[in-house]
Structure formats: C-alpha cells, structure tokens
Amino acid sequence: MSRLLGTSLAVLLSAGLLAGCSGSDDPDASGESGIPSGSASASPYLPVPDEVTLTPQGTHLSVGDQAVVAYEPRQDEVGVLDLTVTKLERTTTKKTLSAWQLTDAQQKSTPYFVHVSVTNVGESDLGGRRVPLYAVNEDNLLLESTPFASSFEACPSTALPDKFGPGAQADVCLVYLAPDHGSLEAVSFRPEETFDPIYWTGEIEKYVAPKPDKKKKKK
C-alpha cells in the first residue's frame, strides 16, 4: 500500500524551486542562481564565536571538503555549522519512491541523495531545523530538500534532532527532487539573496540499496 506524503514531499513552485513543508526553516531562495559568479570574500558576514573562522563567501568546494557557515534561522539568532558534503547519489522515483504517492510532476523528477556531516560550532540550539543547503539544477535554480520521515531508510531527509546544541554532531541524508528529470549540478549554501554562495561539486554515484543482513544459520 502506498504511503501518503501530503506536505512531506515538495511541490514545484513557479519560481523553479522545490518547497519543503509549510513549517520549513529554510530561507526563501527566490529561484535565484545557486552558483557564485564572483570571487571569494574573506569578510565575516555574521557575528560568530571568537574561535570560529567562517569559510569565505564564494568558495568552491569538492565533495568531501569542509565549510564553516553562519546563518540566521530567525531574526534574533545566529546559527553556525560545520558542514561536509560527503556523498552525492542519483536514483529514480520508480526505484526508491514507489511506496509513496507522487503527483505527476514528482513522478517526472529525478531524486538525488545528498549526505552531509553536520556539527554545531555556534552558541544556538538548532534542534528541529533543516540543514540550510540547496541543490542547484541545470537551470541554475535552487531546490529545497524534501522532508520525509525516519522510516524512509534510503534517505530519511529529516530535520536536525530536536536537541542540537553547541557541539552536537549528526550525519544526515537529504532528498532533492530535480523537476522534469533534471540534474544536480552543485550543492549550495546561500542563506539570503545577496550572499555569494558557497558550493560543492563532485562525482554523483548511482544509488545502490544496501543488502539485507543474512540470517545466521541455526546450528
């Protein structure tokens, strides 16, 4: 029996992004380009702890590289995260989403799994918030990650744990649905429109489902 997604699966907006659930903490990307056009800037863009050095805006990274970023999940709060995009995977809706009820547009998308190691290196508790990363498609538009549930073992695409204070660490997997069988060109950190994005590129692997553990034979 197919599982209903409701608002837990993104819908395509006219601006070209995939929106998450209505309670998403992700900033509005407004369909703008996710790949920087200028050079990296060394100027700090938000107040962070003295021991934290932010990765400059406009930095181009490869999969496996680390970035320290800051953003404002709300007006009176600054979040600081150490992010490493560790793996990019491509799959199909037929292969991994057949148990979920999809709209026609969603069925024509290409799912991508983005694996990220996340550490809170700031002073705010970011529990329950989504990792502020976007996918960039072939049209240079930003796609939000699609919320699922922990029961989706292939790539849960859930928010950070309910409690995610200073020093907390998590390895997460985020789902991005590229519309019209589109491609993933980069993964972008862009908290607001004037920010020169930090982005990751690298080899995209074909998703292979893990093999179930073999039951030990009884003696």
N, C-alpha and C. Protein backbone atom coordinates (compact mmCIF):
# COMPACT_ATOMS: atom_id res chain seq x y z
N MET A 1 0.84 -1.19 0.00
CA MET A 1 0.00 0.00 0.00
C MET A 1 0.87 1.25 0.00
N SER A 2 0.57 2.17 -0.89
CA SER A 2 1.37 3.38 -0.99
C SER A 2 1.14 4.28 0.20
N ARG A 3 2.20 4.98 0.61
CA ARG A 3 2.10 5.90 1.73
C ARG A 3 1.85 7.31 1.22
N LEU A 4 0.93 8.01 1.88
CA LEU A 4 0.63 9.38 1.51
C LEU A 4 1.72 10.29 2.02
N LEU A 5 2.16 11.20 1.16
CA LEU A 5 3.19 12.14 1.56
C LEU A 5 2.61 13.45 2.07
N GLY A 6 1.50 13.88 1.51
CA GLY A 6 0.95 15.18 1.91
C GLY A 6 1.99 16.27 1.71
N THR A 7 2.18 17.11 2.73
CA THR A 7 3.14 18.19 2.63
C THR A 7 4.57 17.73 2.86
N SER A 8 4.75 16.44 3.14
CA SER A 8 6.11 15.98 3.41
C SER A 8 6.91 15.78 2.14
N LEU A 9 6.28 15.87 0.97
CA LEU A 9 7.02 15.82 -0.28
C LEU A 9 6.86 17.15 -0.98
N ALA A 10 7.95 17.65 -1.53
CA ALA A 10 7.95 19.00 -2.07
C ALA A 10 7.05 19.15 -3.29
N VAL A 11 6.62 20.37 -3.52
CA VAL A 11 5.86 20.70 -4.71
C VAL A 11 6.66 21.71 -5.49
N LEU A 12 6.50 21.71 -6.80
CA LEU A 12 7.25 22.59 -7.66
C LEU A 12 6.60 23.96 -7.67
N LEU A 13 7.39 25.00 -7.36
CA LEU A 13 6.89 26.36 -7.39
C LEU A 13 7.17 26.99 -8.76
N SER A 14 6.42 28.04 -9.08
CA SER A 14 6.60 28.70 -10.36
C SER A 14 7.98 29.31 -10.48
N ALA A 15 8.61 29.65 -9.34
CA ALA A 15 9.94 30.25 -9.36
C ALA A 15 11.01 29.24 -9.69
N GLY A 16 10.66 27.96 -9.66
CA GLY A 16 11.62 26.94 -10.05
C GLY A 16 12.22 26.18 -8.90
N LEU A 17 11.76 26.40 -7.64
CA LEU A 17 12.30 25.63 -6.55
C LEU A 17 11.33 24.56 -6.09
N LEU A 18 11.85 23.61 -5.36
CA LEU A 18 11.01 22.64 -4.68
C LEU A 18 10.87 23.09 -3.25
N ALA A 19 9.64 23.39 -2.81
CA ALA A 19 9.44 23.88 -1.45
C ALA A 19 9.27 22.72 -0.51
N GLY A 20 9.75 22.88 0.71
CA GLY A 20 9.57 21.86 1.73
C GLY A 20 8.23 22.03 2.40
N CYS A 21 8.07 21.44 3.59
CA CYS A 21 6.82 21.53 4.30
C CYS A 21 6.58 22.96 4.75
N SER A 22 5.34 23.28 5.11
CA SER A 22 4.97 24.65 5.41
C SER A 22 5.71 25.22 6.59
N GLY A 23 6.24 24.38 7.46
CA GLY A 23 6.94 24.86 8.63
C GLY A 23 8.45 24.91 8.44
N SER A 24 8.92 24.87 7.19
CA SER A 24 10.34 24.84 6.94
C SER A 24 11.04 26.07 7.47
N ASP A 25 12.26 25.87 7.98
CA ASP A 25 13.07 26.96 8.48
C ASP A 25 14.04 27.45 7.42
N ASP A 26 14.01 26.85 6.22
CA ASP A 26 14.92 27.28 5.19
C ASP A 26 14.56 28.67 4.71
N PRO A 27 15.56 29.50 4.39
CA PRO A 27 15.28 30.82 3.85
C PRO A 27 14.71 30.73 2.46
N ASP A 28 14.05 31.78 2.02
CA ASP A 28 13.48 31.83 0.69
C ASP A 28 14.57 32.14 -0.31
N ALA A 29 14.82 31.20 -1.22
CA ALA A 29 15.88 31.39 -2.20
C ALA A 29 15.43 32.20 -3.39
N SER A 30 14.10 32.37 -3.57
CA SER A 30 13.52 33.21 -4.62
C SER A 30 13.93 32.77 -6.02
N GLY A 31 14.33 31.49 -6.17
CA GLY A 31 14.64 31.00 -7.50
C GLY A 31 15.90 31.56 -8.08
N GLU A 32 16.74 32.19 -7.28
CA GLU A 32 17.95 32.79 -7.81
C GLU A 32 19.04 31.74 -8.01
N SER A 33 20.06 32.13 -8.75
CA SER A 33 21.16 31.23 -9.03
C SER A 33 21.84 30.76 -7.76
N GLY A 34 22.24 29.48 -7.73
CA GLY A 34 22.93 28.95 -6.57
C GLY A 34 24.43 28.88 -6.75
N ILE A 35 24.94 29.22 -7.93
CA ILE A 35 26.37 29.15 -8.19
C ILE A 35 26.94 30.55 -8.25
N PRO A 36 28.00 30.82 -7.49
CA PRO A 36 28.52 32.18 -7.41
C PRO A 36 29.16 32.63 -8.71
N SER A 37 29.06 33.93 -8.97
CA SER A 37 29.68 34.49 -10.16
C SER A 37 30.92 35.29 -9.82
N GLY A 38 31.08 35.68 -8.53
CA GLY A 38 32.21 36.50 -8.12
C GLY A 38 33.27 35.68 -7.42
N SER A 39 34.30 36.35 -6.95
CA SER A 39 35.38 35.68 -6.25
C SER A 39 35.07 35.59 -4.77
N ALA A 40 35.79 34.72 -4.06
CA ALA A 40 35.55 34.52 -2.64
C ALA A 40 35.90 35.78 -1.85
N SER A 41 35.10 36.06 -0.83
CA SER A 41 35.32 37.21 0.03
C SER A 41 35.71 36.73 1.42
N ALA A 42 36.71 37.38 2.02
CA ALA A 42 37.18 36.96 3.33
C ALA A 42 36.47 37.69 4.46
N SER A 43 35.58 38.62 4.15
CA SER A 43 34.92 39.41 5.17
C SER A 43 33.92 38.57 5.94
N PRO A 44 33.94 38.61 7.29
CA PRO A 44 32.92 37.89 8.05
C PRO A 44 31.56 38.52 7.80
N TYR A 45 30.54 37.71 7.68
CA TYR A 45 29.23 38.24 7.32
C TYR A 45 28.22 38.19 8.45
N LEU A 46 28.53 37.46 9.55
CA LEU A 46 27.68 37.43 10.73
C LEU A 46 28.58 37.28 11.97
N PRO A 47 28.10 37.75 13.13
CA PRO A 47 28.90 37.57 14.35
C PRO A 47 28.93 36.11 14.78
N VAL A 48 30.13 35.60 15.03
CA VAL A 48 30.31 34.21 15.44
C VAL A 48 31.30 34.17 16.61
N PRO A 49 31.36 33.05 17.33
CA PRO A 49 32.34 32.94 18.43
C PRO A 49 33.76 33.23 17.96
N ASP A 50 34.59 33.76 18.86
CA ASP A 50 35.95 34.17 18.51
C ASP A 50 36.78 33.04 17.91
N GLU A 51 36.54 31.82 18.37
CA GLU A 51 37.35 30.69 17.90
C GLU A 51 36.90 30.14 16.55
N VAL A 52 35.82 30.69 15.99
CA VAL A 52 35.26 30.20 14.73
C VAL A 52 35.74 31.05 13.56
N THR A 53 36.23 30.41 12.52
CA THR A 53 36.61 31.08 11.29
C THR A 53 35.66 30.63 10.18
N LEU A 54 34.90 31.56 9.65
CA LEU A 54 33.94 31.23 8.61
C LEU A 54 34.62 31.01 7.26
N THR A 55 34.09 30.06 6.50
CA THR A 55 34.54 29.87 5.12
C THR A 55 34.10 31.09 4.30
N PRO A 56 34.99 31.69 3.52
CA PRO A 56 34.62 32.90 2.77
C PRO A 56 33.48 32.65 1.79
N GLN A 57 32.66 33.67 1.60
CA GLN A 57 31.62 33.61 0.59
C GLN A 57 32.26 33.36 -0.78
N GLY A 58 31.53 32.65 -1.64
CA GLY A 58 32.02 32.39 -2.99
C GLY A 58 32.98 31.22 -3.10
N THR A 59 33.24 30.51 -1.99
CA THR A 59 34.19 29.40 -2.03
C THR A 59 33.61 28.22 -2.80
N HIS A 60 34.41 27.64 -3.68
CA HIS A 60 34.02 26.45 -4.44
C HIS A 60 34.73 25.26 -3.84
N LEU A 61 33.94 24.28 -3.36
CA LEU A 61 34.47 23.10 -2.69
C LEU A 61 34.15 21.84 -3.48
N SER A 62 34.87 20.78 -3.16
CA SER A 62 34.59 19.46 -3.73
C SER A 62 33.94 18.59 -2.67
N VAL A 63 33.24 17.55 -3.12
CA VAL A 63 32.66 16.59 -2.18
C VAL A 63 33.76 16.06 -1.28
N GLY A 64 33.50 16.07 0.02
CA GLY A 64 34.50 15.67 1.00
C GLY A 64 35.15 16.84 1.70
N ASP A 65 34.97 18.06 1.14
CA ASP A 65 35.54 19.25 1.75
C ASP A 65 34.62 19.81 2.83
N GLN A 66 35.22 20.52 3.77
CA GLN A 66 34.52 21.07 4.91
C GLN A 66 34.31 22.57 4.74
N ALA A 67 33.18 23.08 5.25
CA ALA A 67 32.92 24.52 5.28
C ALA A 67 32.30 24.87 6.62
N VAL A 68 32.66 26.03 7.15
CA VAL A 68 32.03 26.55 8.36
C VAL A 68 31.19 27.75 7.94
N VAL A 69 29.88 27.68 8.21
CA VAL A 69 28.95 28.68 7.70
C VAL A 69 28.09 29.23 8.83
N ALA A 70 27.57 30.41 8.61
CA ALA A 70 26.67 31.03 9.59
C ALA A 70 25.42 31.52 8.87
N TYR A 71 24.29 31.47 9.56
CA TYR A 71 23.03 31.94 9.01
C TYR A 71 22.11 32.34 10.15
N GLU A 72 21.02 32.99 9.82
CA GLU A 72 20.05 33.43 10.82
C GLU A 72 18.75 32.65 10.65
N PRO A 73 18.57 31.57 11.42
CA PRO A 73 17.32 30.81 11.33
C PRO A 73 16.12 31.65 11.74
N ARG A 74 16.36 32.67 12.56
CA ARG A 74 15.34 33.68 12.86
C ARG A 74 16.08 34.99 13.14
N GLN A 75 15.34 36.07 13.23
CA GLN A 75 15.94 37.39 13.25
C GLN A 75 16.91 37.62 14.41
N ASP A 76 16.64 37.05 15.57
CA ASP A 76 17.45 37.30 16.75
C ASP A 76 18.39 36.15 17.08
N GLU A 77 18.72 35.32 16.10
CA GLU A 77 19.51 34.13 16.36
C GLU A 77 20.49 33.88 15.22
N VAL A 78 21.71 33.51 15.56
CA VAL A 78 22.71 33.14 14.57
C VAL A 78 23.09 31.69 14.78
N GLY A 79 22.98 30.90 13.74
CA GLY A 79 23.42 29.50 13.78
C GLY A 79 24.75 29.37 13.05
N VAL A 80 25.65 28.57 13.60
CA VAL A 80 26.95 28.34 12.98
C VAL A 80 27.17 26.83 12.85
N LEU A 81 27.40 26.38 11.63
CA LEU A 81 27.52 24.94 11.37
C LEU A 81 28.80 24.62 10.63
N ASP A 82 29.38 23.52 11.00
CA ASP A 82 30.49 22.93 10.27
C ASP A 82 29.86 21.86 9.36
N LEU A 83 29.95 22.05 8.06
CA LEU A 83 29.28 21.17 7.10
C LEU A 83 30.30 20.51 6.18
N THR A 84 30.14 19.20 5.98
CA THR A 84 30.93 18.48 4.99
C THR A 84 29.97 17.65 4.14
N VAL A 85 29.88 17.96 2.86
CA VAL A 85 29.10 17.13 1.93
C VAL A 85 29.96 15.91 1.61
N THR A 86 29.50 14.74 2.01
CA THR A 86 30.33 13.54 1.93
C THR A 86 30.02 12.64 0.74
N LYS A 87 28.81 12.72 0.20
CA LYS A 87 28.46 11.85 -0.93
C LYS A 87 27.25 12.41 -1.66
N LEU A 88 27.25 12.24 -3.00
CA LEU A 88 26.10 12.59 -3.84
C LEU A 88 25.64 11.32 -4.55
N GLU A 89 24.33 11.06 -4.53
CA GLU A 89 23.80 9.87 -5.18
C GLU A 89 22.59 10.23 -6.04
N ARG A 90 22.44 9.51 -7.14
CA ARG A 90 21.29 9.69 -8.03
C ARG A 90 20.49 8.40 -8.05
N THR A 91 19.17 8.53 -8.07
CA THR A 91 18.31 7.35 -8.14
C THR A 91 17.12 7.67 -9.03
N THR A 92 16.07 6.87 -8.96
CA THR A 92 14.84 7.10 -9.73
C THR A 92 13.64 7.00 -8.80
N THR A 93 12.55 7.63 -9.18
CA THR A 93 11.34 7.54 -8.36
C THR A 93 10.83 6.10 -8.34
N LYS A 94 10.98 5.40 -9.45
CA LYS A 94 10.50 4.02 -9.52
C LYS A 94 11.29 3.12 -8.59
N LYS A 95 12.57 3.37 -8.48
CA LYS A 95 13.44 2.51 -7.68
C LYS A 95 13.29 2.75 -6.19
N THR A 96 13.17 4.02 -5.78
CA THR A 96 13.22 4.30 -4.35
C THR A 96 11.96 4.95 -3.78
N LEU A 97 11.07 5.45 -4.63
CA LEU A 97 9.88 6.14 -4.12
C LEU A 97 8.58 5.47 -4.53
N SER A 98 8.65 4.23 -4.94
CA SER A 98 7.45 3.53 -5.43
C SER A 98 6.41 3.33 -4.33
N ALA A 99 6.82 3.36 -3.07
CA ALA A 99 5.89 3.16 -1.96
C ALA A 99 5.19 4.46 -1.56
N TRP A 100 5.53 5.56 -2.20
CA TRP A 100 4.96 6.86 -1.87
C TRP A 100 4.07 7.35 -3.00
N GLN A 101 2.98 7.99 -2.64
CA GLN A 101 2.08 8.54 -3.65
C GLN A 101 2.64 9.88 -4.13
N LEU A 102 2.91 9.95 -5.43
CA LEU A 102 3.53 11.13 -6.01
C LEU A 102 2.58 11.82 -6.99
N THR A 103 2.73 13.12 -7.12
CA THR A 103 2.00 13.83 -8.15
C THR A 103 2.65 13.52 -9.50
N ASP A 104 1.98 13.92 -10.57
CA ASP A 104 2.56 13.69 -11.90
C ASP A 104 3.91 14.39 -12.03
N ALA A 105 4.00 15.61 -11.51
CA ALA A 105 5.25 16.36 -11.60
C ALA A 105 6.35 15.68 -10.81
N GLN A 106 6.01 15.16 -9.63
CA GLN A 106 7.00 14.49 -8.80
C GLN A 106 7.48 13.19 -9.44
N GLN A 107 6.57 12.50 -10.14
CA GLN A 107 6.95 11.26 -10.81
C GLN A 107 7.94 11.52 -11.95
N LYS A 108 7.93 12.74 -12.48
CA LYS A 108 8.83 13.11 -13.57
C LYS A 108 10.14 13.72 -13.07
N SER A 109 10.34 13.71 -11.77
CA SER A 109 11.56 14.28 -11.21
C SER A 109 12.65 13.22 -11.12
N THR A 110 13.87 13.68 -10.90
CA THR A 110 14.98 12.78 -10.60
C THR A 110 15.40 13.00 -9.16
N PRO A 111 15.32 11.98 -8.30
CA PRO A 111 15.73 12.14 -6.91
C PRO A 111 17.25 12.07 -6.75
N TYR A 112 17.77 12.94 -5.91
CA TYR A 112 19.18 12.92 -5.55
C TYR A 112 19.29 12.85 -4.03
N PHE A 113 20.23 12.06 -3.56
CA PHE A 113 20.51 11.95 -2.13
C PHE A 113 21.83 12.65 -1.84
N VAL A 114 21.80 13.60 -0.90
CA VAL A 114 22.99 14.35 -0.52
C VAL A 114 23.32 14.02 0.93
N HIS A 115 24.47 13.43 1.16
CA HIS A 115 24.90 13.05 2.51
C HIS A 115 25.79 14.15 3.08
N VAL A 116 25.47 14.57 4.30
CA VAL A 116 26.16 15.69 4.92
C VAL A 116 26.49 15.38 6.37
N SER A 117 27.72 15.69 6.77
CA SER A 117 28.11 15.64 8.17
C SER A 117 27.96 17.04 8.74
N VAL A 118 27.23 17.16 9.86
CA VAL A 118 26.88 18.46 10.43
C VAL A 118 27.33 18.53 11.88
N THR A 119 28.02 19.62 12.23
CA THR A 119 28.40 19.87 13.62
C THR A 119 28.02 21.30 13.99
N ASN A 120 27.39 21.46 15.13
CA ASN A 120 27.02 22.79 15.62
C ASN A 120 28.24 23.40 16.32
N VAL A 121 28.83 24.43 15.69
CA VAL A 121 30.02 25.07 16.26
C VAL A 121 29.69 26.49 16.75
N GLY A 122 28.39 26.77 16.88
CA GLY A 122 27.96 28.06 17.39
C GLY A 122 27.44 27.96 18.81
N GLU A 123 26.62 28.93 19.19
CA GLU A 123 26.11 29.01 20.56
C GLU A 123 24.60 28.80 20.63
N SER A 124 23.92 28.64 19.50
CA SER A 124 22.47 28.47 19.47
C SER A 124 22.09 27.00 19.34
N ASP A 125 20.97 26.63 19.95
CA ASP A 125 20.43 25.29 19.76
C ASP A 125 19.63 25.29 18.46
N LEU A 126 20.05 24.50 17.50
CA LEU A 126 19.41 24.45 16.19
C LEU A 126 18.53 23.21 16.04
N GLY A 127 18.10 22.66 17.16
CA GLY A 127 17.26 21.47 17.15
C GLY A 127 15.98 21.66 16.36
N GLY A 128 15.65 20.65 15.54
CA GLY A 128 14.42 20.67 14.77
C GLY A 128 14.47 21.49 13.49
N ARG A 129 15.61 22.10 13.20
CA ARG A 129 15.72 22.90 11.97
C ARG A 129 16.34 22.06 10.86
N ARG A 130 16.00 22.42 9.64
CA ARG A 130 16.55 21.70 8.50
C ARG A 130 17.93 22.24 8.17
N VAL A 131 18.78 21.38 7.64
CA VAL A 131 20.11 21.79 7.24
C VAL A 131 19.98 22.79 6.09
N PRO A 132 20.60 23.97 6.20
CA PRO A 132 20.36 25.04 5.21
C PRO A 132 21.19 24.88 3.94
N LEU A 133 20.94 23.79 3.22
CA LEU A 133 21.62 23.54 1.95
C LEU A 133 20.60 23.36 0.84
N TYR A 134 20.96 23.83 -0.34
CA TYR A 134 20.12 23.70 -1.52
C TYR A 134 20.86 22.90 -2.59
N ALA A 135 20.10 22.27 -3.49
CA ALA A 135 20.66 21.71 -4.70
C ALA A 135 20.51 22.75 -5.81
N VAL A 136 21.44 22.74 -6.74
CA VAL A 136 21.38 23.63 -7.91
C VAL A 136 21.16 22.76 -9.13
N ASN A 137 20.11 23.05 -9.89
CA ASN A 137 19.82 22.21 -11.06
C ASN A 137 20.44 22.78 -12.33
N GLU A 138 20.14 22.14 -13.45
CA GLU A 138 20.76 22.53 -14.72
C GLU A 138 20.33 23.91 -15.19
N ASP A 139 19.23 24.43 -14.65
CA ASP A 139 18.78 25.78 -14.99
C ASP A 139 19.31 26.82 -14.01
N ASN A 140 20.24 26.40 -13.15
CA ASN A 140 20.86 27.30 -12.17
C ASN A 140 19.86 27.81 -11.14
N LEU A 141 18.86 26.99 -10.82
CA LEU A 141 17.86 27.34 -9.82
C LEU A 141 18.07 26.49 -8.57
N LEU A 142 17.63 27.03 -7.44
CA LEU A 142 17.81 26.36 -6.16
C LEU A 142 16.63 25.45 -5.85
N LEU A 143 16.92 24.26 -5.34
CA LEU A 143 15.91 23.30 -4.94
C LEU A 143 16.05 23.04 -3.46
N GLU A 144 14.95 23.14 -2.71
CA GLU A 144 14.98 22.82 -1.29
C GLU A 144 14.94 21.32 -1.09
N SER A 145 15.48 20.86 0.01
CA SER A 145 15.39 19.44 0.33
C SER A 145 13.94 19.08 0.65
N THR A 146 13.59 17.85 0.33
CA THR A 146 12.23 17.36 0.51
C THR A 146 12.12 16.59 1.82
N PRO A 147 11.28 17.04 2.76
CA PRO A 147 11.15 16.31 4.03
C PRO A 147 10.52 14.93 3.83
N PHE A 148 11.09 13.93 4.47
CA PHE A 148 10.50 12.60 4.51
C PHE A 148 10.33 12.22 5.98
N ALA A 149 10.56 10.99 6.31
CA ALA A 149 10.43 10.52 7.68
C ALA A 149 11.54 9.52 7.94
N SER A 150 11.81 9.27 9.20
CA SER A 150 12.88 8.33 9.54
C SER A 150 12.61 6.94 9.00
N SER A 151 11.35 6.63 8.67
CA SER A 151 11.01 5.32 8.13
C SER A 151 11.51 5.14 6.70
N PHE A 152 11.89 6.25 6.03
CA PHE A 152 12.42 6.16 4.67
C PHE A 152 13.92 5.87 4.79
N GLU A 153 14.25 4.60 4.86
CA GLU A 153 15.61 4.20 5.19
C GLU A 153 16.63 4.61 4.15
N ALA A 154 16.22 4.70 2.88
CA ALA A 154 17.18 5.05 1.84
C ALA A 154 17.81 6.41 2.09
N CYS A 155 17.00 7.38 2.54
CA CYS A 155 17.50 8.73 2.81
C CYS A 155 16.41 9.47 3.58
N PRO A 156 16.42 9.43 4.90
CA PRO A 156 15.32 9.96 5.71
C PRO A 156 14.96 11.42 5.45
N SER A 157 15.95 12.25 5.13
CA SER A 157 15.74 13.67 4.82
C SER A 157 14.93 14.37 5.90
N THR A 158 15.28 14.12 7.14
CA THR A 158 14.61 14.74 8.28
C THR A 158 15.37 15.98 8.74
N ALA A 159 14.73 16.75 9.62
CA ALA A 159 15.39 17.90 10.23
C ALA A 159 16.45 17.41 11.22
N LEU A 160 17.23 18.35 11.73
CA LEU A 160 18.20 18.00 12.77
C LEU A 160 17.45 17.49 14.00
N PRO A 161 18.12 16.72 14.85
CA PRO A 161 17.46 16.22 16.07
C PRO A 161 16.83 17.35 16.88
N ASP A 162 15.82 17.01 17.68
CA ASP A 162 15.08 18.01 18.45
C ASP A 162 15.99 18.85 19.34
N LYS A 163 17.03 18.23 19.87
CA LYS A 163 18.04 18.97 20.63
C LYS A 163 19.35 18.90 19.86
N PHE A 164 19.85 20.06 19.43
CA PHE A 164 21.08 20.11 18.64
C PHE A 164 21.84 21.36 19.05
N GLY A 165 22.35 21.31 20.29
CA GLY A 165 23.05 22.44 20.87
C GLY A 165 24.51 22.49 20.48
N PRO A 166 25.26 23.41 21.07
CA PRO A 166 26.69 23.55 20.78
C PRO A 166 27.44 22.23 20.93
N GLY A 167 28.21 21.88 19.91
CA GLY A 167 28.99 20.65 19.93
C GLY A 167 28.28 19.43 19.39
N ALA A 168 26.98 19.52 19.15
CA ALA A 168 26.22 18.37 18.65
C ALA A 168 26.66 18.03 17.22
N GLN A 169 26.62 16.75 16.90
CA GLN A 169 27.03 16.29 15.58
C GLN A 169 26.01 15.30 15.03
N ALA A 170 25.78 15.32 13.74
CA ALA A 170 24.86 14.37 13.10
C ALA A 170 25.29 14.15 11.66
N ASP A 171 25.09 12.93 11.18
CA ASP A 171 25.26 12.61 9.77
C ASP A 171 23.87 12.48 9.17
N VAL A 172 23.57 13.31 8.18
CA VAL A 172 22.22 13.35 7.63
C VAL A 172 22.25 13.05 6.14
N CYS A 173 21.10 12.64 5.63
CA CYS A 173 20.92 12.45 4.20
C CYS A 173 19.70 13.26 3.78
N LEU A 174 19.86 14.10 2.76
CA LEU A 174 18.79 14.97 2.30
C LEU A 174 18.36 14.57 0.89
N VAL A 175 17.05 14.60 0.63
CA VAL A 175 16.50 14.26 -0.68
C VAL A 175 16.19 15.55 -1.44
N TYR A 176 16.63 15.61 -2.68
CA TYR A 176 16.28 16.72 -3.57
C TYR A 176 15.64 16.13 -4.83
N LEU A 177 14.51 16.69 -5.24
CA LEU A 177 13.81 16.21 -6.43
C LEU A 177 14.02 17.22 -7.55
N ALA A 178 14.81 16.85 -8.54
CA ALA A 178 15.07 17.74 -9.68
C ALA A 178 13.93 17.60 -10.68
N PRO A 179 13.15 18.67 -10.94
CA PRO A 179 11.98 18.56 -11.81
C PRO A 179 12.33 18.22 -13.25
N ASP A 180 11.36 17.59 -13.93
CA ASP A 180 11.49 17.25 -15.36
C ASP A 180 12.74 16.41 -15.62
N HIS A 181 12.98 15.44 -14.75
CA HIS A 181 14.13 14.54 -14.90
C HIS A 181 15.43 15.32 -15.01
N GLY A 182 15.51 16.39 -14.23
CA GLY A 182 16.67 17.28 -14.29
C GLY A 182 17.88 16.73 -13.56
N SER A 183 18.92 17.55 -13.55
CA SER A 183 20.19 17.13 -12.97
C SER A 183 20.56 17.98 -11.76
N LEU A 184 21.45 17.46 -10.96
CA LEU A 184 22.04 18.19 -9.83
C LEU A 184 23.43 18.63 -10.26
N GLU A 185 23.64 19.94 -10.27
CA GLU A 185 24.92 20.48 -10.71
C GLU A 185 25.83 20.85 -9.53
N ALA A 186 25.24 21.17 -8.39
CA ALA A 186 26.02 21.58 -7.22
C ALA A 186 25.12 21.53 -6.00
N VAL A 187 25.74 21.58 -4.82
CA VAL A 187 25.05 21.76 -3.55
C VAL A 187 25.49 23.11 -3.01
N SER A 188 24.51 23.94 -2.63
CA SER A 188 24.80 25.34 -2.34
C SER A 188 24.35 25.76 -0.94
N PHE A 189 25.21 26.53 -0.27
CA PHE A 189 24.81 27.24 0.95
C PHE A 189 24.60 28.69 0.57
N ARG A 190 23.34 29.13 0.65
CA ARG A 190 23.01 30.50 0.30
C ARG A 190 21.85 30.96 1.19
N PRO A 191 22.14 31.54 2.37
CA PRO A 191 21.09 31.87 3.33
C PRO A 191 20.20 33.03 2.92
N GLU A 192 20.68 33.91 2.05
CA GLU A 192 19.84 35.02 1.59
C GLU A 192 20.36 35.50 0.23
N GLU A 193 19.55 36.34 -0.43
CA GLU A 193 19.78 36.65 -1.84
C GLU A 193 21.11 37.32 -2.13
N THR A 194 21.60 38.17 -1.23
CA THR A 194 22.83 38.90 -1.51
C THR A 194 24.09 38.12 -1.17
N PHE A 195 23.92 36.93 -0.61
CA PHE A 195 25.05 36.10 -0.21
C PHE A 195 25.68 35.44 -1.44
N ASP A 196 26.99 35.56 -1.56
CA ASP A 196 27.71 34.89 -2.65
C ASP A 196 27.90 33.42 -2.24
N PRO A 197 27.22 32.49 -2.88
CA PRO A 197 27.11 31.13 -2.35
C PRO A 197 28.43 30.39 -2.19
N ILE A 198 28.44 29.55 -1.18
CA ILE A 198 29.46 28.52 -1.03
C ILE A 198 28.87 27.25 -1.63
N TYR A 199 29.62 26.58 -2.49
CA TYR A 199 29.01 25.40 -3.10
C TYR A 199 29.99 24.26 -3.28
N TRP A 200 29.41 23.05 -3.34
CA TRP A 200 30.16 21.81 -3.50
C TRP A 200 29.80 21.16 -4.84
N THR A 201 30.77 20.61 -5.51
CA THR A 201 30.53 19.80 -6.70
C THR A 201 31.36 18.53 -6.59
N GLY A 202 30.98 17.53 -7.36
CA GLY A 202 31.75 16.28 -7.33
C GLY A 202 31.02 15.18 -8.06
N GLU A 203 31.61 14.01 -8.04
CA GLU A 203 31.04 12.85 -8.73
C GLU A 203 29.72 12.45 -8.08
N ILE A 204 28.75 12.16 -8.92
CA ILE A 204 27.45 11.69 -8.44
C ILE A 204 27.37 10.19 -8.69
N GLU A 205 27.22 9.44 -7.62
CA GLU A 205 27.18 7.99 -7.71
C GLU A 205 25.76 7.49 -7.93
N LYS A 206 25.66 6.31 -8.51
CA LYS A 206 24.36 5.65 -8.65
C LYS A 206 23.99 5.02 -7.31
N TYR A 207 22.78 5.33 -6.83
CA TYR A 207 22.36 4.78 -5.54
C TYR A 207 22.19 3.27 -5.64
N VAL A 208 22.77 2.58 -4.68
CA VAL A 208 22.64 1.14 -4.57
C VAL A 208 22.10 0.82 -3.19
N ALA A 209 20.95 0.18 -3.14
CA ALA A 209 20.34 -0.15 -1.86
C ALA A 209 21.22 -1.14 -1.10
N PRO A 210 21.38 -0.94 0.20
CA PRO A 210 22.20 -1.88 0.98
C PRO A 210 21.58 -3.26 1.00
N LYS A 211 22.43 -4.26 0.98
CA LYS A 211 21.93 -5.63 1.04
C LYS A 211 21.51 -5.98 2.46
N PRO A 212 20.38 -6.67 2.62
CA PRO A 212 19.95 -7.06 3.96
C PRO A 212 20.92 -8.05 4.57
N ASP A 213 21.05 -7.96 5.88
CA ASP A 213 21.95 -8.89 6.59
C ASP A 213 21.42 -10.32 6.45
N LYS A 214 22.33 -11.22 6.17
CA LYS A 214 21.94 -12.62 6.05
C LYS A 214 21.70 -13.20 7.45
N LYS A 215 20.63 -13.91 7.58
CA LYS A 215 20.35 -14.56 8.85
C LYS A 215 21.32 -15.70 9.11
N LYS A 216 21.82 -15.69 10.30
CA LYS A 216 22.76 -16.76 10.65
C LYS A 216 22.01 -18.10 10.74
N LYS A 217 22.63 -19.10 10.17
CA LYS A 217 22.02 -20.43 10.21
C LYS A 217 22.11 -20.99 11.62
N LYS A 218 21.01 -21.55 12.02
CA LYS A 218 20.98 -22.19 13.34
C LYS A 218 21.78 -23.49 13.30
N LYS A 219 22.53 -23.72 14.38
CA LYS A 219 23.32 -24.94 14.43
C LYS A 219 22.42 -26.13 14.73
